[in-house]
PDB file of N, CA and C in Angstrom:
ATOM      1  N   MET A   1      27.393  16.922  10.762  1.00  0.00           N
ATOM      2  CA  MET A   1      26.170  17.332  10.089  1.00  0.00           C
ATOM      3  C   MET A   1      25.875  16.426   8.893  1.00  0.00           C
ATOM      4  N   VAL A   2      26.874  16.253   8.021  1.00  0.00           N
ATOM      5  CA  VAL A   2      26.675  15.423   6.836  1.00  0.00           C
ATOM      6  C   VAL A   2      26.434  13.972   7.243  1.00  0.00           C
ATOM      7  N   ARG A   3      27.171  13.525   8.254  1.00  0.00           N
ATOM      8  CA  ARG A   3      27.016  12.150   8.717  1.00  0.00           C
ATOM      9  C   ARG A   3      25.593  11.906   9.233  1.00  0.00           C
ATOM     10  N   SER A   4      25.045  12.876   9.958  1.00  0.00           N
ATOM     11  CA  SER A   4      23.687  12.691  10.478  1.00  0.00           C
ATOM     12  C   SER A   4      22.666  12.698   9.343  1.00  0.00           C
ATOM     13  N   LEU A   5      22.888  13.487   8.299  1.00  0.00           N
ATOM     14  CA  LEU A   5      21.994  13.478   7.148  1.00  0.00           C
ATOM     15  C   LEU A   5      22.085  12.152   6.397  1.00  0.00           C
ATOM     16  N   LEU A   6      23.286  11.624   6.258  1.00  0.00           N
ATOM     17  CA  LEU A   6      23.444  10.337   5.592  1.00  0.00           C
ATOM     18  C   LEU A   6      22.789   9.226   6.402  1.00  0.00           C
ATOM     19  N   HIS A   7      22.877   9.313   7.702  1.00  0.00           N
ATOM     20  CA  HIS A   7      22.260   8.299   8.566  1.00  0.00           C
ATOM     21  C   HIS A   7      20.740   8.338   8.451  1.00  0.00           C
ATOM     22  N   LEU A   8      20.183   9.514   8.200  1.00  0.00           N
ATOM     23  CA  LEU A   8      18.736   9.648   8.059  1.00  0.00           C
ATOM     24  C   LEU A   8      18.216   8.811   6.898  1.00  0.00           C
ATOM     25  N   PHE A   9      19.011   8.699   5.840  1.00  0.00           N
ATOM     26  CA  PHE A   9      18.573   7.967   4.654  1.00  0.00           C
ATOM     27  C   PHE A   9      19.216   6.593   4.546  1.00  0.00           C
ATOM     28  N   SER A  10      19.652   6.043   5.670  1.00  0.00           N
ATOM     29  CA  SER A  10      20.199   4.698   5.658  1.00  0.00           C
ATOM     30  C   SER A  10      19.081   3.697   5.400  1.00  0.00           C
ATOM     31  N   HIS A  11      19.457   2.485   5.122  1.00  0.00           N
ATOM     32  CA  HIS A  11      18.492   1.447   4.726  1.00  0.00           C
ATOM     33  C   HIS A  11      17.386   1.261   5.767  1.00  0.00           C
ATOM     34  N   GLY A  12      17.752   1.090   6.999  1.00  0.00           N
ATOM     35  CA  GLY A  12      16.760   0.840   8.040  1.00  0.00           C
ATOM     36  C   GLY A  12      15.886   2.049   8.330  1.00  0.00           C
ATOM     37  N   MET A  13      16.496   3.226   8.326  1.00  0.00           N
ATOM     38  CA  MET A  13      15.749   4.441   8.646  1.00  0.00           C
ATOM     39  C   MET A  13      14.729   4.768   7.553  1.00  0.00           C
ATOM     40  N   SER A  14      15.106   4.580   6.298  1.00  0.00           N
ATOM     41  CA  SER A  14      14.163   4.881   5.211  1.00  0.00           C
ATOM     42  C   SER A  14      13.006   3.884   5.214  1.00  0.00           C
ATOM     43  N   GLU A  15      13.281   2.625   5.543  1.00  0.00           N
ATOM     44  CA  GLU A  15      12.191   1.652   5.651  1.00  0.00           C
ATOM     45  C   GLU A  15      11.265   2.008   6.802  1.00  0.00           C
ATOM     46  N   TRP A  16      11.837   2.411   7.923  1.00  0.00           N
ATOM     47  CA  TRP A  16      11.039   2.800   9.082  1.00  0.00           C
ATOM     48  C   TRP A  16      10.142   3.981   8.720  1.00  0.00           C
ATOM     49  N   LEU A  17      10.727   4.980   8.051  1.00  0.00           N
ATOM     50  CA  LEU A  17       9.968   6.167   7.666  1.00  0.00           C
ATOM     51  C   LEU A  17       8.879   5.817   6.645  1.00  0.00           C
ATOM     52  N   LEU A  18       9.208   4.986   5.667  1.00  0.00           N
ATOM     53  CA  LEU A  18       8.221   4.592   4.660  1.00  0.00           C
ATOM     54  C   LEU A  18       7.083   3.811   5.297  1.00  0.00           C
ATOM     55  N   GLN A  19       7.398   2.974   6.281  1.00  0.00           N
ATOM     56  CA  GLN A  19       6.360   2.219   6.992  1.00  0.00           C
ATOM     57  C   GLN A  19       5.388   3.176   7.684  1.00  0.00           C
ATOM     58  N   ARG A  20       5.921   4.230   8.295  1.00  0.00           N
ATOM     59  CA  ARG A  20       5.057   5.200   8.993  1.00  0.00           C
ATOM     60  C   ARG A  20       4.250   6.037   8.020  1.00  0.00           C
ATOM     61  N   VAL A  21       4.865   6.456   6.917  1.00  0.00           N
ATOM     62  CA  VAL A  21       4.161   7.273   5.923  1.00  0.00           C
ATOM     63  C   VAL A  21       3.019   6.478   5.299  1.00  0.00           C
ATOM     64  N   THR A  22       3.275   5.223   4.953  1.00  0.00           N
ATOM     65  CA  THR A  22       2.215   4.412   4.367  1.00  0.00           C
ATOM     66  C   THR A  22       1.088   4.179   5.375  1.00  0.00           C
ATOM     67  N   ALA A  23       1.433   4.030   6.639  1.00  0.00           N
ATOM     68  CA  ALA A  23       0.394   3.858   7.670  1.00  0.00           C
ATOM     69  C   ALA A  23      -0.466   5.110   7.784  1.00  0.00           C
ATOM     70  N   VAL A  24       0.148   6.272   7.693  1.00  0.00           N
ATOM     71  CA  VAL A  24      -0.604   7.529   7.760  1.00  0.00           C
ATOM     72  C   VAL A  24      -1.527   7.664   6.546  1.00  0.00           C
ATOM     73  N   VAL A  25      -1.015   7.348   5.362  1.00  0.00           N
ATOM     74  CA  VAL A  25      -1.835   7.432   4.144  1.00  0.00           C
ATOM     75  C   VAL A  25      -3.042   6.503   4.260  1.00  0.00           C
ATOM     76  N   MET A  26      -2.813   5.274   4.711  1.00  0.00           N
ATOM     77  CA  MET A  26      -3.924   4.323   4.840  1.00  0.00           C
ATOM     78  C   MET A  26      -4.932   4.781   5.895  1.00  0.00           C
ATOM     79  N   THR A  27      -4.448   5.323   6.999  1.00  0.00           N
ATOM     80  CA  THR A  27      -5.343   5.806   8.053  1.00  0.00           C
ATOM     81  C   THR A  27      -6.201   6.962   7.553  1.00  0.00           C
ATOM     82  N   LEU A  28      -5.595   7.925   6.865  1.00  0.00           N
ATOM     83  CA  LEU A  28      -6.348   9.061   6.344  1.00  0.00           C
ATOM     84  C   LEU A  28      -7.400   8.610   5.329  1.00  0.00           C
ATOM     85  N   TYR A  29      -7.050   7.657   4.481  1.00  0.00           N
ATOM     86  CA  TYR A  29      -8.009   7.162   3.494  1.00  0.00           C
ATOM     87  C   TYR A  29      -9.192   6.486   4.189  1.00  0.00           C
ATOM     88  N   VAL A  30      -8.903   5.625   5.143  1.00  0.00           N
ATOM     89  CA  VAL A  30      -9.984   4.913   5.839  1.00  0.00           C
ATOM     90  C   VAL A  30     -10.889   5.897   6.572  1.00  0.00           C
ATOM     91  N   LEU A  31     -10.310   6.892   7.228  1.00  0.00           N
ATOM     92  CA  LEU A  31     -11.124   7.888   7.929  1.00  0.00           C
ATOM     93  C   LEU A  31     -11.978   8.701   6.958  1.00  0.00           C
ATOM     94  N   ALA A  32     -11.382   9.144   5.853  1.00  0.00           N
ATOM     95  CA  ALA A  32     -12.131   9.923   4.862  1.00  0.00           C
ATOM     96  C   ALA A  32     -13.239   9.079   4.240  1.00  0.00           C
ATOM     97  N   PHE A  33     -12.945   7.826   3.947  1.00  0.00           N
ATOM     98  CA  PHE A  33     -13.938   6.949   3.353  1.00  0.00           C
ATOM     99  C   PHE A  33     -15.074   6.667   4.332  1.00  0.00           C
ATOM    100  N   ALA A  34     -14.739   6.528   5.603  1.00  0.00           N
ATOM    101  CA  ALA A  34     -15.773   6.309   6.625  1.00  0.00           C
ATOM    102  C   ALA A  34     -16.693   7.520   6.725  1.00  0.00           C
ATOM    103  N   VAL A  35     -16.131   8.714   6.655  1.00  0.00           N
ATOM    104  CA  VAL A  35     -16.947   9.930   6.697  1.00  0.00           C
ATOM    105  C   VAL A  35     -17.880   9.986   5.495  1.00  0.00           C
ATOM    106  N   VAL A  36     -17.356   9.669   4.316  1.00  0.00           N
ATOM    107  CA  VAL A  36     -18.189   9.670   3.111  1.00  0.00           C
ATOM    108  C   VAL A  36     -19.333   8.672   3.256  1.00  0.00           C
ATOM    109  N   LEU A  37     -19.025   7.485   3.760  1.00  0.00           N
ATOM    110  CA  LEU A  37     -20.073   6.478   3.921  1.00  0.00           C
ATOM    111  C   LEU A  37     -21.112   6.893   4.955  1.00  0.00           C
ATOM    112  N   LEU A  38     -20.682   7.525   6.029  1.00  0.00           N
ATOM    113  CA  LEU A  38     -21.624   7.955   7.064  1.00  0.00           C
ATOM    114  C   LEU A  38     -22.512   9.104   6.608  1.00  0.00           C
ATOM    115  N   LEU A  39     -21.960   9.993   5.777  1.00  0.00           N
ATOM    116  CA  LEU A  39     -22.721  11.153   5.321  1.00  0.00           C
ATOM    117  C   LEU A  39     -23.619  10.844   4.126  1.00  0.00           C
ATOM    118  N   SER A  40     -23.431   9.709   3.505  1.00  0.00           N
ATOM    119  CA  SER A  40     -24.175   9.386   2.288  1.00  0.00           C
ATOM    120  C   SER A  40     -25.182   8.269   2.511  1.00  0.00           C
ATOM    121  N   GLN A  41     -25.871   8.300   3.611  1.00  0.00           N
ATOM    122  CA  GLN A  41     -26.852   7.253   3.904  1.00  0.00           C
ATOM    123  C   GLN A  41     -28.167   7.558   3.197  1.00  0.00           C
ATOM    124  N   PRO A  42     -28.895   6.669   2.636  1.00  0.00           N
ATOM    125  CA  PRO A  42     -28.500   5.281   2.386  1.00  0.00           C
ATOM    126  C   PRO A  42     -27.570   5.207   1.175  1.00  0.00           C
ATOM    127  N   PHE A  43     -26.639   4.297   1.210  1.00  0.00           N
ATOM    128  CA  PHE A  43     -25.644   4.176   0.148  1.00  0.00           C
ATOM    129  C   PHE A  43     -26.076   3.089  -0.818  1.00  0.00           C
ATOM    130  N   THR A  44     -26.559   3.492  -1.961  1.00  0.00           N
ATOM    131  CA  THR A  44     -27.052   2.555  -2.961  1.00  0.00           C
ATOM    132  C   THR A  44     -25.952   2.229  -3.963  1.00  0.00           C
ATOM    133  N   TYR A  45     -26.228   1.274  -4.829  1.00  0.00           N
ATOM    134  CA  TYR A  45     -25.275   0.905  -5.869  1.00  0.00           C
ATOM    135  C   TYR A  45     -24.978   2.090  -6.792  1.00  0.00           C
ATOM    136  N   VAL A  46     -26.003   2.855  -7.108  1.00  0.00           N
ATOM    137  CA  VAL A  46     -25.828   4.000  -8.008  1.00  0.00           C
ATOM    138  C   VAL A  46     -24.871   5.020  -7.388  1.00  0.00           C
ATOM    139  N   ARG A  47     -25.048   5.301  -6.098  1.00  0.00           N
ATOM    140  CA  ARG A  47     -24.126   6.236  -5.418  1.00  0.00           C
ATOM    141  C   ARG A  47     -22.715   5.650  -5.335  1.00  0.00           C
ATOM    142  N   TRP A  48     -22.632   4.373  -5.029  1.00  0.00           N
ATOM    143  CA  TRP A  48     -21.329   3.705  -4.932  1.00  0.00           C
ATOM    144  C   TRP A  48     -20.600   3.786  -6.275  1.00  0.00           C
ATOM    145  N   HIS A  49     -21.316   3.476  -7.347  1.00  0.00           N
ATOM    146  CA  HIS A  49     -20.734   3.538  -8.684  1.00  0.00           C
ATOM    147  C   HIS A  49     -20.335   4.969  -9.032  1.00  0.00           C
ATOM    148  N   GLY A  50     -21.187   5.917  -8.703  1.00  0.00           N
ATOM    149  CA  GLY A  50     -20.878   7.324  -8.962  1.00  0.00           C
ATOM    150  C   GLY A  50     -19.678   7.813  -8.183  1.00  0.00           C
ATOM    151  N   LEU A  51     -19.544   7.328  -6.960  1.00  0.00           N
ATOM    152  CA  LEU A  51     -18.390   7.720  -6.143  1.00  0.00           C
ATOM    153  C   LEU A  51     -17.090   7.275  -6.794  1.00  0.00           C
ATOM    154  N   PHE A  52     -17.064   6.054  -7.289  1.00  0.00           N
ATOM    155  CA  PHE A  52     -15.829   5.538  -7.880  1.00  0.00           C
ATOM    156  C   PHE A  52     -15.645   5.952  -9.337  1.00  0.00           C
ATOM    157  N   GLU A  53     -16.579   6.709  -9.885  1.00  0.00           N
ATOM    158  CA  GLU A  53     -16.375   7.319 -11.191  1.00  0.00           C
ATOM    159  C   GLU A  53     -15.522   8.581 -11.077  1.00  0.00           C
ATOM    160  N   LEU A  54     -15.446   9.155  -9.880  1.00  0.00           N
ATOM    161  CA  LEU A  54     -14.651  10.367  -9.669  1.00  0.00           C
ATOM    162  C   LEU A  54     -13.160  10.035  -9.722  1.00  0.00           C
ATOM    163  N   GLN A  55     -12.434  10.831 -10.501  1.00  0.00           N
ATOM    164  CA  GLN A  55     -10.994  10.609 -10.662  1.00  0.00           C
ATOM    165  C   GLN A  55     -10.254  10.744  -9.328  1.00  0.00           C
ATOM    166  N   ALA A  56     -10.665  11.674  -8.494  1.00  0.00           N
ATOM    167  CA  ALA A  56     -10.005  11.876  -7.203  1.00  0.00           C
ATOM    168  C   ALA A  56     -10.152  10.645  -6.309  1.00  0.00           C
ATOM    169  N   VAL A  57     -11.308  10.006  -6.357  1.00  0.00           N
ATOM    170  CA  VAL A  57     -11.528   8.796  -5.552  1.00  0.00           C
ATOM    171  C   VAL A  57     -10.680   7.650  -6.090  1.00  0.00           C
ATOM    172  N   LYS A  58     -10.566   7.552  -7.394  1.00  0.00           N
ATOM    173  CA  LYS A  58      -9.718   6.516  -7.982  1.00  0.00           C
ATOM    174  C   LYS A  58      -8.261   6.718  -7.578  1.00  0.00           C
ATOM    175  N   ILE A  59      -7.788   7.955  -7.639  1.00  0.00           N
ATOM    176  CA  ILE A  59      -6.396   8.244  -7.276  1.00  0.00           C
ATOM    177  C   ILE A  59      -6.168   7.987  -5.791  1.00  0.00           C
ATOM    178  N   ALA A  60      -7.099   8.427  -4.952  1.00  0.00           N
ATOM    179  CA  ALA A  60      -6.965   8.200  -3.511  1.00  0.00           C
ATOM    180  C   ALA A  60      -6.999   6.706  -3.192  1.00  0.00           C
ATOM    181  N   SER A  61      -7.864   5.976  -3.874  1.00  0.00           N
ATOM    182  CA  SER A  61      -7.957   4.532  -3.643  1.00  0.00           C
ATOM    183  C   SER A  61      -6.679   3.832  -4.092  1.00  0.00           C
ATOM    184  N   PHE A  62      -6.127   4.259  -5.225  1.00  0.00           N
ATOM    185  CA  PHE A  62      -4.872   3.643  -5.660  1.00  0.00           C
ATOM    186  C   PHE A  62      -3.730   4.004  -4.721  1.00  0.00           C
ATOM    187  N   ALA A  63      -3.726   5.230  -4.208  1.00  0.00           N
ATOM    188  CA  ALA A  63      -2.701   5.603  -3.217  1.00  0.00           C
ATOM    189  C   ALA A  63      -2.819   4.722  -1.978  1.00  0.00           C
ATOM    190  N   PHE A  64      -4.057   4.418  -1.583  1.00  0.00           N
ATOM    191  CA  PHE A  64      -4.273   3.510  -0.457  1.00  0.00           C
ATOM    192  C   PHE A  64      -3.708   2.129  -0.771  1.00  0.00           C
ATOM    193  N   PHE A  65      -4.050   1.577  -1.945  1.00  0.00           N
ATOM    194  CA  PHE A  65      -3.571   0.246  -2.298  1.00  0.00           C
ATOM    195  C   PHE A  65      -2.054   0.207  -2.442  1.00  0.00           C
ATOM    196  N   LEU A  66      -1.482   1.244  -3.038  1.00  0.00           N
ATOM    197  CA  LEU A  66      -0.031   1.311  -3.171  1.00  0.00           C
ATOM    198  C   LEU A  66       0.632   1.373  -1.795  1.00  0.00           C
ATOM    199  N   SER A  67       0.064   2.159  -0.900  1.00  0.00           N
ATOM    200  CA  SER A  67       0.591   2.235   0.466  1.00  0.00           C
ATOM    201  C   SER A  67       0.473   0.887   1.164  1.00  0.00           C
ATOM    202  N   LEU A  68      -0.656   0.222   0.974  1.00  0.00           N
ATOM    203  CA  LEU A  68      -0.860  -1.094   1.578  1.00  0.00           C
ATOM    204  C   LEU A  68       0.178  -2.097   1.066  1.00  0.00           C
ATOM    205  N   LEU A  69       0.432  -2.081  -0.231  1.00  0.00           N
ATOM    206  CA  LEU A  69       1.395  -3.015  -0.810  1.00  0.00           C
ATOM    207  C   LEU A  69       2.815  -2.717  -0.346  1.00  0.00           C
ATOM    208  N   LEU A  70       3.196  -1.441  -0.287  1.00  0.00           N
ATOM    209  CA  LEU A  70       4.529  -1.082   0.216  1.00  0.00           C
ATOM    210  C   LEU A  70       4.671  -1.445   1.688  1.00  0.00           C
ATOM    211  N   HIS A  71       3.632  -1.197   2.455  1.00  0.00           N
ATOM    212  CA  HIS A  71       3.631  -1.521   3.874  1.00  0.00           C
ATOM    213  C   HIS A  71       3.804  -3.037   4.062  1.00  0.00           C
ATOM    214  N   ALA A  72       3.083  -3.805   3.253  1.00  0.00           N
ATOM    215  CA  ALA A  72       3.189  -5.261   3.328  1.00  0.00           C
ATOM    216  C   ALA A  72       4.568  -5.739   2.893  1.00  0.00           C
ATOM    217  N   TRP A  73       5.124  -5.134   1.852  1.00  0.00           N
ATOM    218  CA  TRP A  73       6.451  -5.529   1.361  1.00  0.00           C
ATOM    219  C   TRP A  73       7.512  -5.340   2.445  1.00  0.00           C
ATOM    220  N   ILE A  74       7.483  -4.217   3.110  1.00  0.00           N
ATOM    221  CA  ILE A  74       8.453  -3.966   4.178  1.00  0.00           C
ATOM    222  C   ILE A  74       8.251  -4.956   5.322  1.00  0.00           C
ATOM    223  N   GLY A  75       7.003  -5.209   5.672  1.00  0.00           N
ATOM    224  CA  GLY A  75       6.711  -6.169   6.734  1.00  0.00           C
ATOM    225  C   GLY A  75       7.164  -7.574   6.386  1.00  0.00           C
ATOM    226  N   VAL A  76       6.918  -7.999   5.148  1.00  0.00           N
ATOM    227  CA  VAL A  76       7.340  -9.331   4.710  1.00  0.00           C
ATOM    228  C   VAL A  76       8.860  -9.445   4.753  1.00  0.00           C
ATOM    229  N   GLN A  77       9.549  -8.415   4.290  1.00  0.00           N
ATOM    230  CA  GLN A  77      11.010  -8.440   4.328  1.00  0.00           C
ATOM    231  C   GLN A  77      11.529  -8.562   5.753  1.00  0.00           C
ATOM    232  N   ASP A  78      10.932  -7.813   6.658  1.00  0.00           N
ATOM    233  CA  ASP A  78      11.365  -7.878   8.060  1.00  0.00           C
ATOM    234  C   ASP A  78      11.116  -9.250   8.662  1.00  0.00           C
ATOM    235  N   VAL A  79       9.941  -9.807   8.409  1.00  0.00           N
ATOM    236  CA  VAL A  79       9.621 -11.131   8.956  1.00  0.00           C
ATOM    237  C   VAL A  79      10.555 -12.189   8.375  1.00  0.00           C
ATOM    238  N   LEU A  80      10.771 -12.131   7.060  1.00  0.00           N
ATOM    239  CA  LEU A  80      11.649 -13.117   6.437  1.00  0.00           C
ATOM    240  C   LEU A  80      13.083 -12.997   6.936  1.00  0.00           C
ATOM    241  N   SER A  81      13.578 -11.785   7.079  1.00  0.00           N
ATOM    242  CA  SER A  81      14.958 -11.628   7.548  1.00  0.00           C
ATOM    243  C   SER A  81      15.105 -12.041   9.004  1.00  0.00           C
ATOM    244  N   ASP A  82      14.043 -11.930   9.789  1.00  0.00           N
ATOM    245  CA  ASP A  82      14.111 -12.315  11.200  1.00  0.00           C
ATOM    246  C   ASP A  82      13.943 -13.815  11.416  1.00  0.00           C
ATOM    247  N   TYR A  83      13.093 -14.471  10.628  1.00  0.00           N
ATOM    248  CA  TYR A  83      12.697 -15.842  10.943  1.00  0.00           C
ATOM    249  C   TYR A  83      13.157 -16.900   9.949  1.00  0.00           C
ATOM    250  N   VAL A  84      13.541 -16.511   8.735  1.00  0.00           N
ATOM    251  CA  VAL A  84      14.008 -17.503   7.760  1.00  0.00           C
ATOM    252  C   VAL A  84      15.520 -17.353   7.639  1.00  0.00           C
ATOM    253  N   LYS A  85      16.233 -18.339   8.146  1.00  0.00           N
ATOM    254  CA  LYS A  85      17.693 -18.246   8.208  1.00  0.00           C
ATOM    255  C   LYS A  85      18.390 -18.747   6.950  1.00  0.00           C
ATOM    256  N   LEU A  86      17.747 -19.615   6.183  1.00  0.00           N
ATOM    257  CA  LEU A  86      18.361 -20.122   4.959  1.00  0.00           C
ATOM    258  C   LEU A  86      18.236 -19.075   3.856  1.00  0.00           C
ATOM    259  N   ASN A  87      19.383 -18.648   3.333  1.00  0.00           N
ATOM    260  CA  ASN A  87      19.388 -17.574   2.338  1.00  0.00           C
ATOM    261  C   ASN A  87      18.608 -17.932   1.078  1.00  0.00           C
ATOM    262  N   GLY A  88      18.742 -19.150   0.604  1.00  0.00           N
ATOM    263  CA  GLY A  88      18.040 -19.560  -0.611  1.00  0.00           C
ATOM    264  C   GLY A  88      16.534 -19.553  -0.429  1.00  0.00           C
ATOM    265  N   LEU A  89      16.080 -20.107   0.685  1.00  0.00           N
ATOM    266  CA  LEU A  89      14.647 -20.119   0.969  1.00  0.00           C
ATOM    267  C   LEU A  89      14.109 -18.705   1.149  1.00  0.00           C
ATOM    268  N   ARG A  90      14.885 -17.863   1.837  1.00  0.00           N
ATOM    269  CA  ARG A  90      14.470 -16.474   2.033  1.00  0.00           C
ATOM    270  C   ARG A  90      14.342 -15.756   0.695  1.00  0.00           C
ATOM    271  N   ALA A  91      15.279 -16.010  -0.217  1.00  0.00           N
ATOM    272  CA  ALA A  91      15.232 -15.373  -1.538  1.00  0.00           C
ATOM    273  C   ALA A  91      14.004 -15.827  -2.321  1.00  0.00           C
ATOM    274  N   VAL A  92      13.700 -17.115  -2.259  1.00  0.00           N
ATOM    275  CA  VAL A  92      12.529 -17.632  -2.967  1.00  0.00           C
ATOM    276  C   VAL A  92      11.247 -17.038  -2.382  1.00  0.00           C
ATOM    277  N   LEU A  93      11.146 -17.005  -1.059  1.00  0.00           N
ATOM    278  CA  LEU A  93       9.957 -16.446  -0.417  1.00  0.00           C
ATOM    279  C   LEU A  93       9.820 -14.949  -0.690  1.00  0.00           C
ATOM    280  N   ARG A  94      10.931 -14.237  -0.690  1.00  0.00           N
ATOM    281  CA  ARG A  94      10.908 -12.797  -0.988  1.00  0.00           C
ATOM    282  C   ARG A  94      10.464 -12.562  -2.429  1.00  0.00           C
ATOM    283  N   PHE A  95      10.980 -13.364  -3.358  1.00  0.00           N
ATOM    284  CA  PHE A  95      10.581 -13.240  -4.756  1.00  0.00           C
ATOM    285  C   PHE A  95       9.095 -13.539  -4.923  1.00  0.00           C
ATOM    286  N   THR A  96       8.639 -14.617  -4.275  1.00  0.00           N
ATOM    287  CA  THR A  96       7.228 -14.992  -4.358  1.00  0.00           C
ATOM    288  C   THR A  96       6.328 -13.884  -3.807  1.00  0.00           C
ATOM    289  N   ALA A  97       6.712 -13.340  -2.661  1.00  0.00           N
ATOM    290  CA  ALA A  97       5.930 -12.243  -2.074  1.00  0.00           C
ATOM    291  C   ALA A  97       5.926 -11.031  -3.002  1.00  0.00           C
ATOM    292  N   GLY A  98       7.064 -10.743  -3.611  1.00  0.00           N
ATOM    293  CA  GLY A  98       7.139  -9.613  -4.537  1.00  0.00           C
ATOM    294  C   GLY A  98       6.241  -9.793  -5.740  1.00  0.00           C
ATOM    295  N   VAL A  99       6.215 -11.000  -6.287  1.00  0.00           N
ATOM    296  CA  VAL A  99       5.347 -11.281  -7.441  1.00  0.00           C
ATOM    297  C   VAL A  99       3.879 -11.154  -7.046  1.00  0.00           C
ATOM    298  N   VAL A 100       3.526 -11.714  -5.892  1.00  0.00           N
ATOM    299  CA  VAL A 100       2.129 -11.640  -5.426  1.00  0.00           C
ATOM    300  C   VAL A 100       1.716 -10.182  -5.231  1.00  0.00           C
ATOM    301  N   LEU A 101       2.571  -9.386  -4.594  1.00  0.00           N
ATOM    302  CA  LEU A 101       2.235  -7.982  -4.353  1.00  0.00           C
ATOM    303  C   LEU A 101       2.167  -7.193  -5.662  1.00  0.00           C
ATOM    304  N   LEU A 102       3.032  -7.508  -6.606  1.00  0.00           N
ATOM    305  CA  LEU A 102       2.990  -6.848  -7.913  1.00  0.00           C
ATOM    306  C   LEU A 102       1.689  -7.180  -8.646  1.00  0.00           C
ATOM    307  N   VAL A 103       1.288  -8.447  -8.615  1.00  0.00           N
ATOM    308  CA  VAL A 103       0.038  -8.855  -9.260  1.00  0.00           C
ATOM    309  C   VAL A 103      -1.148  -8.152  -8.598  1.00  0.00           C
ATOM    310  N   LEU A 104      -1.130  -8.065  -7.274  1.00  0.00           N
ATOM    311  CA  LEU A 104      -2.210  -7.365  -6.581  1.00  0.00           C
ATOM    312  C   LEU A 104      -2.245  -5.877  -6.948  1.00  0.00           C
ATOM    313  N   GLY A 105      -1.092  -5.260  -7.100  1.00  0.00           N
ATOM    314  CA  GLY A 105      -1.042  -3.856  -7.518  1.00  0.00           C
ATOM    315  C   GLY A 105      -1.596  -3.659  -8.915  1.00  0.00           C
ATOM    316  N   LEU A 106      -1.227  -4.549  -9.835  1.00  0.00           N
ATOM    317  CA  LEU A 106      -1.758  -4.453 -11.198  1.00  0.00           C
ATOM    318  C   LEU A 106      -3.259  -4.726 -11.225  1.00  0.00           C
ATOM    319  N   TRP A 107      -3.702  -5.636 -10.388  1.00  0.00           N
ATOM    320  CA  TRP A 107      -5.125  -5.947 -10.293  1.00  0.00           C
ATOM    321  C   TRP A 107      -5.910  -4.746  -9.770  1.00  0.00           C
ATOM    322  N   SER A 108      -5.332  -4.039  -8.793  1.00  0.00           N
ATOM    323  CA  SER A 108      -6.013  -2.843  -8.279  1.00  0.00           C
ATOM    324  C   SER A 108      -6.118  -1.767  -9.360  1.00  0.00           C
ATOM    325  N   LEU A 109      -5.091  -1.641 -10.197  1.00  0.00           N
ATOM    326  CA  LEU A 109      -5.175  -0.714 -11.336  1.00  0.00           C
ATOM    327  C   LEU A 109      -6.305  -1.113 -12.269  1.00  0.00           C
ATOM    328  N   GLN A 110      -6.377  -2.396 -12.563  1.00  0.00           N
ATOM    329  CA  GLN A 110      -7.426  -2.882 -13.458  1.00  0.00           C
ATOM    330  C   GLN A 110      -8.815  -2.646 -12.873  1.00  0.00           C
ATOM    331  N   ILE A 111      -8.960  -2.867 -11.598  1.00  0.00           N
ATOM    332  CA  ILE A 111     -10.266  -2.662 -10.960  1.00  0.00           C
ATOM    333  C   ILE A 111     -10.653  -1.189 -10.973  1.00  0.00           C
ATOM    334  N   LEU A 112      -9.723  -0.310 -10.622  1.00  0.00           N
ATOM    335  CA  LEU A 112     -10.049   1.110 -10.495  1.00  0.00           C
ATOM    336  C   LEU A 112     -10.255   1.797 -11.836  1.00  0.00           C
ATOM    337  N   TRP A 113      -9.439   1.462 -12.807  1.00  0.00           N
ATOM    338  CA  TRP A 113      -9.529   2.157 -14.090  1.00  0.00           C
ATOM    339  C   TRP A 113     -10.075   1.288 -15.205  1.00  0.00           C
ATOM    340  N   GLY A 114     -10.308   0.016 -14.937  1.00  0.00           N
ATOM    341  CA  GLY A 114     -10.849  -0.869 -15.958  1.00  0.00           C
ATOM    342  C   GLY A 114      -9.927  -1.089 -17.111  1.00  0.00           C
ATOM    343  N   ILE A 115      -8.619  -1.024 -16.857  1.00  0.00           N
ATOM    344  CA  ILE A 115      -7.639  -1.246 -17.923  1.00  0.00           C
ATOM    345  C   ILE A 115      -7.077  -2.649 -17.800  1.00  0.00           C
ATOM    346  N   ALA A 116      -6.686  -3.209 -18.908  1.00  0.00           N
ATOM    347  CA  ALA A 116      -6.060  -4.535 -18.887  1.00  0.00           C
ATOM    348  C   ALA A 116      -4.611  -4.366 -18.472  1.00  0.00           C
ATOM    349  N   ALA A 117      -4.233  -5.060 -17.421  1.00  0.00           N
ATOM    350  CA  ALA A 117      -2.859  -4.943 -16.921  1.00  0.00           C
ATOM    351  C   ALA A 117      -2.011  -6.085 -17.408  1.00  0.00           C
TER     352      ALA A 117
END
């Protein structure tokens, strides 16, 4: 029993689960956003601006971006571990990808809340 619980939270299993959870979050956001866009025709700049003034939309949008970045991070790690055999090069590429994804996450915060990151 304990062994099976420990196996559930092993490195590979938690990445697999996180990949699926982030995919579900992104799918739900895209579907909800599509419904909002379809129901709000015609969609003018004023409505668009008003939509993103809502705190719930900002939080949902950031959850989408955070899920996208985590999903990409796991994917990049998998691709690098599968195709880049040199440990030093893999470490440099992993670090570079991490910095790029971190900058994109901070940029999304700045865009959504207008704060300097």
